[in-house]
Amino acid sequence: MEFEKLLNRNVTEPDTYLMSKNIAEHNVLVTGAGGTIGSELCRKILSYNPKSLILFELSEYNLYSIEHEIKAYLAQTGQQTPIFSIIGNIQNKTHFGSVLEKHKVHTIYHAAAHKHVPMVENNIVEAVKNNVFGTLSCAEAAIEHQVANFTLISTDKAVRPTNVMGATKRLSELILQALSIQQSSTCFTMVRFGNVLGSSGSVIPLFLNQIQNGGPLTVTHPDITRYFMLVSEASELVIQASAIGHSGQVFVLDMGEPIKIHDLAKNIIKLTQTKQDIQIVFSGLRPGEKLFEELLIGENASNTIHPKIKSATEVHIKPERLNQILASLKKYCHLMDKDMLKTILLAIPTGYKIPKHQKSPTKTVEQVCSHHHDGQSLEAH
């Protein structure tokens, strides 16, 4: 399917200088290298002459798939870039650090995360461990091993989040912002974008499968809207943002106007040219799901040297308070207490809001964190 026809806007073209700045003649590592964004990042990186490419992935099958594809591409083109495929967990700081040291990594694109909203809502402990503490471990290892650039793949769901996934991603942004203040050896940048057309577990593969089965197409609400972009655009934005500005910045892409999912469903039915009479039904909002999403916190976005990339000015958390929050999250992860984890995520200034139809916790972050204040570092012990 030609996904461009669903965007209702012009596709954003990349800036060649920005694309190559942190890649050409450098050792580059991608976490979550076998995922939708991670694998596309790998494809783009190869086009800009890296010294080597390190694929870091927890899923053996996903790692095998992207390695097989890349090596076939290299064989076809005659390109000699060394490829290193590593099975690993981003929460294992010792292993991750050893990889950075061995390969003298210059640039990291951190795409590894639990990202599917309903799945994360039902697996809060693992989401916090992976999205929050996994990011912290990778970031601290990057500092210790003098990695020059570290770019976090974030999401529009991190803006005033109504779900655990978005709150964990906003907290991972806050961690990198705090580390940016504390040191200057590693440049940390964060990139938010909307939904990627055709990505695994996203709405378009779902709709196509439903059409193949004769319908109906399920839309949660008639007015629900989302920002969309192509996977190629998403990966190019990540790479270009890593080459812009200073440490601690959050970048967003001008993605045009949000698209109604109801309209998207109707357009997909047309594009498939199916002769079946496919119906659309409304199934109701899922836990943590917003009617619309924003790409910025606040209205103070500024321009960058790229016409389609904006920089968002964000409020930081003081390192002492962040340490307190992380210590409490660590404790309740260990206790497998998902209710307390949700309480903390609600209370910290990520902007996390529980939807009206869900029960709101009553304790404040000060109450739940008062006995777990570290105040020294952001170390993930």
Foldseek 3Di string as FASTA:
>chain_A
DPCVVLQPDDADDFDLCLLQVQFAQFEEEEEQCLFLLNLLLVVSSVVRHGQAYEYEYQDPVSLVVSVVVVVVVCVVVVDDHHYHYHHDALLPLVVLLVVCQVRVHQEYEYPDADADFVVCQVVVLVRLSRLANSLVSNVVSCVVSLHAEYEYEAELCLALFQTSNNLSRLLSLLSQLQVQVVDASYAYEYEYEKAEPPGPPDQPVVLVVQVVVQDAREAADQQAWIQYHHSNSSSSVRSSRRSWDTHSWYKYFCRDDTDGVVVSSVVSCVVVVDPGDYHYDHNHDDFRDDSYTDNAHDDDWADTPRRGMIIHDDDHDHFQLSQLLVQLSVVCSVVVPSVVNVLSSCQDPSSHDHDPVDDHDDDHNCVSRVVRGDRPGNDDD
